Amino acid sequence: MVYRKQLRHHSAVIVALLLALAMILGACTDNSAPPAPVNSEPTLQKLATAYNEVKAELPVSPGGLNPKGKRKFVEKVFAQAGFDYAKTLSALGQTAPEHRTQHFKDLKQLALMPSNGLAKDQWSEVFSQEEITAIQNMEN
């Protein structure tokens, strides 16, 4: 009888731990941050603030980072501003040429920071194939 009570108790604890683990993993993979709005001055201001805050945490200037370091830096800037970097690249790539304002160009400059100094054949070291396609679309 005592054994059954202990077994039920342990089973309940295990189920609770599994549920907690599932919730934690779900939160870690939650990609609910939106892309940064492409033609928005308030967005650029948010990103500028985030840029300066993240930059203050670095031992070197962002331009001195290697391409993968620049990628992590830019991802952190977008996340701190409340936006998803990869989704923003996609949104930039889908923006029609007639809607490419100065705000678009400024956002594009920040988004493409990881590619600074990289030859196009090296982009795959930093960007996924989907992101490379979005970047190529920005150039057209």
Foldseek 3Di string as FASTA:
>chain_A
DVVVVVVVVVVVVVVVVVVVVVVVVCVVPDPPQAAQDQQDPVSVVLLVVLLVVLQVVDPDGLLPDALQSVLVSLQSSQVSSRHGLQNNLQVLLPDDPVPCDVSNVVVVCSSCSSCVPPDLVCCVVHDPPSSNNSNVSNVD
